[in-house]
Amino acid sequence: MLVHISRLQRVLLPPTFFLRVRVDACLFIKQFFVWQVQQNYKKAHAYLSLVICTYGVITNIINIVVLTKPKMRNSINCILTGVAVADTITMTSYIPFAYFYYLMNPDTRIVSLPWNTFLAVHMNLTLISHTSSIWLGVIMAAMRYFFVRPTTRGAQTLDCRSTLPVILITFLGAVLLIIPNCLATGLEPCYNNATGLVNWHLSLPSFGQGGNTLHTITFFIYPVAGKIVPCTLISIFGGLLLHTLRETDKRSRRLKGESSSGNNGHSQTRRTTIMLLAIIALYLISEIPQSILVLLCIFVQDFFTDVYGLLGDFIDLLTLLNTAFNFITYIAMSSQFRNTLVEVSLAWANTLLCQTWSSNSVSSSPKSPKSKPTAV
């Protein structure tokens, strides 16, 4: 019976009818469902992002303090310090953004010039810091792979003095990468004839603006060089690192019993590599969905305006979780980081107790009696 109904529909209805109905249904589901989810989540996004950012700023400052201690200084920890600096910038800028645009002024149609200026600076600054963080993750994965891969010349890596210029070049490259986006971002006055006031509108580079060369350059440079390429490279180096780790474990098991020397060094190298693989996995969990959405914006018409724009809060949440989770990874997987953190905490506590004790001693000490003035 169903087959006959299907044949009857094919005869009575034009072929374009099913395509049109399918497209209209997809657009309805896409817009209505995503919009409903976004509106329900938007109420909680402000508080959730403020909690994550506050926690992330504090923990990344702790990461910077611990990783820059003399006994922790090596090329990988220098890269991780650069990542912590970039993540701190991202979350520090996001705190006033979330507070004002989600709590103080959820109706973003009327925003003053200073706050729109802040929004433009915030958007481009976070793009620079987050892009720097992603590329530093790529460099970290590549450096670790070249360090642990078996070669006749032994392990090769950079020292801290050579790693610092690499970090600075990465930040500078991110700035150059975002320059087209900065040029395409502008402030436009909107005159309200009813009130006579001027409302400022932030003009952003958007997809599908034909004939605008700057918007086209912005679209193809940042998503490709800031998302797709680093995600591809970090996946490749992460896979190579995982393969090398497995091969090293097999070789170690074959040689086990022949010589016990060097086992401690191999174990430390293995733990560090596993921790870096966990960090790479966090990058991939955060960035691959965004890269897929960017590709859909390229190949699916109106996907940016219909879906990608509505998913902005979820994309921000993934990014913030990635930037705030590194501290937990270090604590869970690095005994050297835990020991150094305990030493730093005890030193801070000792200094604080000494200052408190000295101030209490001074305040409780008996004061010498003042001499009365005598008449001359």
Protein backbone atom coordinates (compact mmCIF):
# COMPACT_ATOMS: atom_id res chain seq x y z
CA MET A 1 0.00 0.00 0.00
CA LEU A 2 2.81 2.41 0.89
CA VAL A 3 4.50 1.67 -2.44
CA HIS A 4 1.33 2.57 -4.36
CA ILE A 5 0.93 5.83 -2.43
CA SER A 6 4.53 6.72 -3.17
CA ARG A 7 4.00 6.06 -6.89
CA LEU A 8 0.80 8.13 -6.87
CA GLN A 9 2.62 11.04 -5.23
CA ARG A 10 5.34 10.91 -7.87
CA VAL A 11 2.73 11.13 -10.61
CA LEU A 12 0.54 13.86 -9.13
CA LEU A 13 3.22 16.08 -7.53
CA PRO A 14 6.17 17.69 -9.31
CA PRO A 15 9.66 16.54 -8.29
CA THR A 16 10.56 19.98 -6.99
CA PHE A 17 7.75 19.76 -4.44
CA PHE A 18 9.59 17.19 -2.31
CA LEU A 19 12.84 19.16 -2.53
CA ARG A 20 11.10 22.37 -1.50
CA VAL A 21 9.26 20.68 1.38
CA ARG A 22 12.47 18.99 2.54
CA VAL A 23 14.41 22.26 2.44
CA ASP A 24 11.63 24.18 4.21
CA ALA A 25 11.37 21.50 6.88
CA CYS A 26 15.15 21.50 7.41
CA LEU A 27 15.19 25.28 7.70
CA PHE A 28 12.30 25.20 10.19
CA ILE A 29 13.94 22.53 12.35
CA LYS A 30 17.32 24.23 12.06
CA GLN A 31 16.12 27.70 12.96
CA PHE A 32 13.38 26.84 15.48
CA PHE A 33 15.23 24.09 17.38
CA VAL A 34 18.58 25.90 17.52
CA TRP A 35 16.88 29.17 18.44
CA GLN A 36 14.92 27.53 21.29
CA VAL A 37 18.03 25.84 22.69
CA GLN A 38 20.02 29.06 22.41
CA GLN A 39 17.35 31.13 24.16
CA ASN A 40 17.07 28.65 27.03
CA TYR A 41 20.83 28.41 27.47
CA LYS A 42 21.41 32.17 27.15
CA LYS A 43 19.87 32.72 30.58
CA ALA A 44 22.52 30.55 32.23
CA HIS A 45 25.45 31.46 29.98
CA ALA A 46 26.29 34.70 31.77
CA TYR A 47 26.63 33.14 35.24
CA LEU A 48 28.33 30.00 33.93
CA SER A 49 30.86 31.94 31.86
CA LEU A 50 31.62 34.33 34.75
CA VAL A 51 32.31 31.41 37.08
CA ILE A 52 34.52 29.66 34.49
CA CYS A 53 36.41 32.85 33.64
CA THR A 54 37.03 33.78 37.27
CA TYR A 55 38.29 30.28 38.01
CA GLY A 56 40.31 30.23 34.79
CA VAL A 57 42.03 33.56 35.42
CA ILE A 58 43.09 32.49 38.92
CA THR A 59 44.31 29.04 37.88
CA ASN A 60 46.17 30.32 34.82
CA ILE A 61 47.99 32.88 36.97
CA ILE A 62 48.95 29.97 39.24
CA ASN A 63 50.12 28.06 36.16
CA ILE A 64 52.33 30.98 35.13
CA VAL A 65 53.84 31.28 38.62
CA VAL A 66 54.56 27.55 38.93
CA LEU A 67 55.80 26.96 35.38
CA THR A 68 58.27 29.87 35.58
CA LYS A 69 60.03 28.53 38.70
CA PRO A 70 63.72 27.77 38.01
CA LYS A 71 63.41 24.00 38.38
CA MET A 72 60.37 23.93 36.07
CA ARG A 73 61.98 25.82 33.21
CA ASN A 74 62.24 23.83 29.99
CA SER A 75 61.05 24.32 26.42
CA ILE A 76 57.66 22.62 26.89
CA ASN A 77 56.88 24.52 30.09
CA CYS A 78 57.82 27.77 28.33
CA ILE A 79 55.23 26.95 25.66
CA LEU A 80 52.67 26.09 28.37
CA THR A 81 53.42 29.44 30.04
CA GLY A 82 52.67 31.20 26.76
CA VAL A 83 49.41 29.25 26.52
CA ALA A 84 48.51 30.32 30.08
CA VAL A 85 49.21 33.98 29.23
CA ALA A 86 47.01 33.77 26.12
CA ASP A 87 44.20 32.03 28.02
CA THR A 88 44.38 34.62 30.81
CA ILE A 89 43.93 37.41 28.27
CA THR A 90 40.96 35.61 26.71
CA MET A 91 39.09 35.10 29.99
CA THR A 92 39.99 38.48 31.48
CA SER A 93 38.46 40.19 28.46
CA TYR A 94 35.40 37.94 28.55
CA ILE A 95 34.43 38.83 32.14
CA PRO A 96 33.30 42.46 31.48
CA PHE A 97 31.80 41.35 28.15
CA ALA A 98 29.59 38.72 29.78
CA TYR A 99 28.69 40.98 32.69
CA PHE A 100 27.53 43.90 30.55
CA TYR A 101 26.02 42.25 27.47
CA TYR A 102 24.28 39.38 29.29
CA LEU A 103 23.39 40.83 32.69
CA MET A 104 23.44 44.63 32.60
CA ASN A 105 22.24 45.19 29.03
CA PRO A 106 20.71 42.09 27.45
CA ASP A 107 18.96 44.35 24.91
CA THR A 108 22.05 45.00 22.78
CA ARG A 109 20.17 47.14 20.27
CA ILE A 110 20.95 50.28 22.29
CA VAL A 111 24.60 50.41 23.33
CA SER A 112 26.76 53.45 23.92
CA LEU A 113 29.87 54.27 21.91
CA PRO A 114 32.35 53.33 24.70
CA TRP A 115 30.82 49.87 25.14
CA ASN A 116 30.69 49.26 21.40
CA THR A 117 34.35 50.26 21.23
CA PHE A 118 35.09 47.80 24.02
CA LEU A 119 33.17 45.10 22.11
CA ALA A 120 35.27 45.68 18.99
CA VAL A 121 38.50 45.55 21.01
CA HIS A 122 37.30 42.49 22.94
CA MET A 123 36.40 40.52 19.83
CA ASN A 124 39.71 41.10 18.08
CA LEU A 125 41.79 40.75 21.25
CA THR A 126 40.24 37.38 22.09
CA LEU A 127 40.74 36.24 18.49
CA ILE A 128 44.43 37.10 18.79
CA SER A 129 44.89 35.42 22.17
CA HIS A 130 42.92 32.29 21.27
CA THR A 131 44.67 31.92 17.92
CA SER A 132 48.02 32.26 19.69
CA SER A 133 46.97 29.57 22.14
CA ILE A 134 46.00 27.16 19.34
CA TRP A 135 49.25 27.66 17.42
CA LEU A 136 51.29 27.30 20.62
CA GLY A 137 49.53 23.97 21.07
CA VAL A 138 50.63 22.98 17.57
CA ILE A 139 54.23 24.00 18.33
CA MET A 140 54.13 22.10 21.62
CA ALA A 141 52.91 18.92 19.89
CA ALA A 142 55.57 19.24 17.18
CA MET A 143 58.38 19.89 19.68
CA ARG A 144 57.36 16.92 21.81
CA TYR A 145 57.17 14.63 18.78
CA PHE A 146 60.65 15.60 17.60
CA PHE A 147 61.88 15.08 21.17
CA VAL A 148 60.52 11.55 21.70
CA ARG A 149 60.87 10.12 18.20
CA PRO A 150 63.72 7.63 17.83
CA THR A 151 66.69 9.05 15.92
CA THR A 152 70.35 8.18 15.63
CA ARG A 153 71.31 11.59 17.02
CA GLY A 154 69.16 11.18 20.13
CA ALA A 155 66.46 13.49 21.48
CA GLN A 156 66.38 17.00 20.05
CA THR A 157 64.60 19.98 21.53
CA LEU A 158 64.99 23.71 22.07
CA ASP A 159 66.12 25.36 25.27
CA CYS A 160 64.17 28.09 27.05
CA ARG A 161 66.23 30.88 25.51
CA SER A 162 65.43 29.62 22.00
CA THR A 163 61.76 28.95 22.81
CA LEU A 164 60.99 32.52 23.89
CA PRO A 165 61.41 34.00 20.35
CA VAL A 166 59.15 31.23 19.03
CA ILE A 167 56.43 32.29 21.48
CA LEU A 168 56.81 35.97 20.60
CA ILE A 169 56.68 35.19 16.86
CA THR A 170 53.51 33.16 17.44
CA PHE A 171 51.77 36.10 19.14
CA LEU A 172 52.98 38.46 16.43
CA GLY A 173 51.75 36.09 13.72
CA ALA A 174 48.33 35.97 15.37
CA VAL A 175 48.20 39.78 15.38
CA LEU A 176 49.03 39.87 11.65
CA LEU A 177 46.41 37.19 11.00
CA ILE A 178 43.65 39.21 12.69
CA ILE A 179 44.51 42.55 11.02
CA PRO A 180 41.98 42.01 8.15
CA ASN A 181 39.29 41.27 10.75
CA CYS A 182 40.22 44.46 12.64
CA LEU A 183 39.97 46.50 9.44
CA ALA A 184 36.59 44.95 8.60
CA THR A 185 35.21 45.78 12.07
CA GLY A 186 33.81 49.28 12.38
CA LEU A 187 31.42 51.51 14.31
CA GLU A 188 28.49 53.08 12.49
CA PRO A 189 26.15 55.76 13.90
CA CYS A 190 22.42 55.06 13.76
CA TYR A 191 20.28 58.18 14.08
CA ASN A 192 16.97 57.83 15.89
CA ASN A 193 14.56 60.38 14.42
CA ALA A 194 12.04 59.90 17.23
CA THR A 195 14.39 60.66 20.11
CA GLY A 196 17.09 62.57 18.29
CA LEU A 197 19.76 60.39 19.85
CA VAL A 198 22.58 58.55 18.12
CA ASN A 199 22.86 54.82 18.68
CA TRP A 200 26.10 53.20 17.62
CA HIS A 201 26.11 49.94 15.72
CA LEU A 202 29.07 47.58 15.45
CA SER A 203 29.57 46.44 11.86
CA LEU A 204 31.21 43.03 11.61
CA PRO A 205 32.60 41.01 8.70
CA SER A 206 29.89 38.59 7.64
CA PHE A 207 29.74 35.73 5.20
CA GLY A 208 28.08 36.11 1.86
CA GLN A 209 28.70 39.81 1.32
CA GLY A 210 29.44 39.72 -2.34
CA GLY A 211 31.77 42.27 -3.81
CA ASN A 212 33.43 43.13 -0.50
CA THR A 213 37.05 42.10 -0.93
CA LEU A 214 38.02 42.77 2.69
CA HIS A 215 35.21 40.57 4.02
CA THR A 216 36.22 37.80 1.61
CA ILE A 217 39.85 38.01 2.73
CA THR A 218 38.78 38.01 6.38
CA PHE A 219 36.57 34.99 5.84
CA PHE A 220 39.19 32.86 4.13
CA ILE A 221 42.24 33.89 6.19
CA TYR A 222 41.06 33.48 9.77
CA PRO A 223 38.92 30.32 9.52
CA VAL A 224 41.55 28.56 7.41
CA ALA A 225 44.74 29.77 9.14
CA GLY A 226 43.21 30.18 12.60
CA LYS A 227 41.03 27.06 12.79
CA ILE A 228 41.31 24.44 10.06
CA VAL A 229 45.10 24.42 9.52
CA PRO A 230 46.11 24.33 13.23
CA CYS A 231 43.48 21.68 14.00
CA THR A 232 44.82 19.56 11.14
CA LEU A 233 48.43 19.99 12.24
CA ILE A 234 47.76 19.32 15.91
CA SER A 235 45.81 16.19 14.92
CA ILE A 236 48.72 14.99 12.79
CA PHE A 237 51.37 15.63 15.42
CA GLY A 238 49.12 14.24 18.15
CA GLY A 239 48.65 11.05 16.15
CA LEU A 240 52.38 10.77 15.48
CA LEU A 241 53.09 11.38 19.15
CA LEU A 242 50.65 8.67 20.19
CA HIS A 243 52.14 6.24 17.65
CA THR A 244 55.67 6.99 18.85
CA LEU A 245 54.59 6.49 22.46
CA ARG A 246 53.16 3.06 21.63
CA GLU A 247 56.28 2.05 19.72
CA THR A 248 58.46 3.20 22.61
CA ASP A 249 56.39 1.16 25.06
CA LYS A 250 56.73 -1.94 22.86
CA ARG A 251 60.49 -1.43 22.61
CA SER A 252 60.71 -0.93 26.37
CA ARG A 253 58.80 -4.15 27.03
CA ARG A 254 61.09 -6.07 24.67
CA LEU A 255 64.18 -4.73 26.41
CA LYS A 256 62.77 -5.15 29.91
CA GLY A 257 65.02 -7.39 31.98
CA GLU A 258 68.09 -6.77 29.87
CA SER A 259 68.94 -3.51 31.56
CA SER A 260 67.17 -1.54 34.27
CA SER A 261 69.14 1.66 33.72
CA GLY A 262 67.23 4.60 32.27
CA ASN A 263 63.80 3.29 33.34
CA ASN A 264 63.14 6.31 35.54
CA GLY A 265 63.95 8.70 32.72
CA HIS A 266 61.75 6.78 30.30
CA SER A 267 58.90 6.74 32.84
CA GLN A 268 59.15 10.52 33.34
CA THR A 269 59.22 11.10 29.58
CA ARG A 270 56.19 8.85 29.16
CA ARG A 271 54.18 10.68 31.84
CA THR A 272 54.99 14.06 30.32
CA THR A 273 54.01 12.83 26.87
CA ILE A 274 50.69 11.46 28.14
CA MET A 275 49.94 14.79 29.83
CA LEU A 276 50.64 16.67 26.60
CA LEU A 277 48.42 14.22 24.70
CA ALA A 278 45.63 15.06 27.15
CA ILE A 279 46.16 18.78 26.46
CA ILE A 280 46.08 18.08 22.71
CA ALA A 281 42.84 16.14 23.18
CA LEU A 282 41.31 19.17 24.93
CA TYR A 283 42.29 21.35 21.99
CA LEU A 284 40.70 18.92 19.54
CA ILE A 285 37.48 18.59 21.55
CA SER A 286 37.18 22.37 21.58
CA GLU A 287 38.32 23.23 18.07
CA ILE A 288 37.11 20.40 15.80
CA PRO A 289 33.38 21.25 16.24
CA GLN A 290 34.18 24.88 15.44
CA SER A 291 36.17 23.85 12.35
CA ILE A 292 33.26 21.70 11.16
CA LEU A 293 30.87 24.62 11.61
CA VAL A 294 33.24 26.87 9.66
CA LEU A 295 33.31 24.35 6.79
CA LEU A 296 29.51 24.23 6.83
CA CYS A 297 29.47 28.02 6.60
CA ILE A 298 31.54 27.70 3.43
CA PHE A 299 29.52 24.99 1.71
CA VAL A 300 25.96 25.50 3.08
CA GLN A 301 24.13 28.62 2.03
CA ASP A 302 22.91 30.88 4.86
CA PHE A 303 24.33 28.50 7.46
CA PHE A 304 26.29 31.31 9.12
CA THR A 305 23.24 33.52 9.70
CA ASP A 306 20.74 30.72 10.42
CA VAL A 307 22.81 28.43 12.67
CA TYR A 308 26.38 29.58 13.35
CA GLY A 309 25.32 32.93 14.81
CA LEU A 310 22.88 31.22 17.18
CA LEU A 311 25.56 28.80 18.38
CA GLY A 312 27.93 31.58 19.44
CA ASP A 313 27.31 31.04 23.17
CA PHE A 314 28.03 27.31 22.93
CA ILE A 315 31.22 28.00 20.94
CA ASP A 316 32.33 30.47 23.61
CA LEU A 317 31.58 27.90 26.32
CA LEU A 318 33.77 25.26 24.62
CA THR A 319 36.61 27.76 24.30
CA LEU A 320 36.36 28.88 27.93
CA LEU A 321 36.26 25.31 29.21
CA ASN A 322 39.37 24.50 27.21
CA THR A 323 41.25 27.51 28.56
CA ALA A 324 40.23 26.75 32.17
CA PHE A 325 40.86 23.00 32.20
CA ASN A 326 44.65 22.96 31.85
CA PHE A 327 45.23 23.50 35.58
CA ILE A 328 43.26 20.34 36.41
CA THR A 329 45.27 18.43 33.79
CA TYR A 330 48.58 19.56 35.30
CA ILE A 331 47.46 18.68 38.82
CA ALA A 332 46.18 15.26 37.82
CA MET A 333 49.06 14.17 35.57
CA SER A 334 52.27 15.92 36.68
CA SER A 335 53.86 15.11 40.02
CA GLN A 336 56.52 17.76 39.43
CA PHE A 337 53.83 20.42 38.98
CA ARG A 338 52.06 19.26 42.16
CA ASN A 339 55.26 19.31 44.21
CA THR A 340 56.22 22.76 42.94
CA LEU A 341 52.71 24.05 43.61
CA VAL A 342 52.90 22.78 47.20
CA GLU A 343 56.27 24.46 47.67
CA VAL A 344 54.98 27.76 46.28
CA SER A 345 51.83 27.57 48.42
CA LEU A 346 53.85 26.89 51.57
CA ALA A 347 56.18 29.77 50.77
CA TRP A 348 53.21 32.11 50.28
CA ALA A 349 51.58 30.90 53.50
CA ASN A 350 54.84 31.34 55.42
CA THR A 351 55.31 34.86 54.09
CA LEU A 352 51.71 35.76 54.94
CA LEU A 353 52.01 34.38 58.47
CA CYS A 354 55.29 36.22 59.04
CA GLN A 355 53.77 39.51 57.87
CA THR A 356 50.69 38.98 60.05
CA TRP A 357 52.79 38.07 63.09
CA SER A 358 55.09 41.06 62.63
CA SER A 359 52.18 43.49 62.26
CA ASN A 360 50.49 42.06 65.35
CA SER A 361 53.75 42.34 67.29
CA VAL A 362 54.17 45.97 66.36
CA SER A 363 50.56 46.85 67.24
CA SER A 364 50.71 45.03 70.60
CA SER A 365 54.09 46.45 71.72
CA PRO A 366 53.83 49.05 74.58
CA LYS A 367 54.09 52.61 73.45
CA SER A 368 56.55 54.98 75.15
CA PRO A 369 54.81 57.74 77.12
CA LYS A 370 54.75 61.10 75.48
CA SER A 371 56.45 63.98 77.31
CA LYS A 372 54.30 66.91 78.15
CA PRO A 373 55.24 70.20 76.53
CA THR A 374 56.71 72.76 78.91
CA ALA A 375 56.30 76.48 78.73
CA VAL A 376 59.35 78.46 77.78
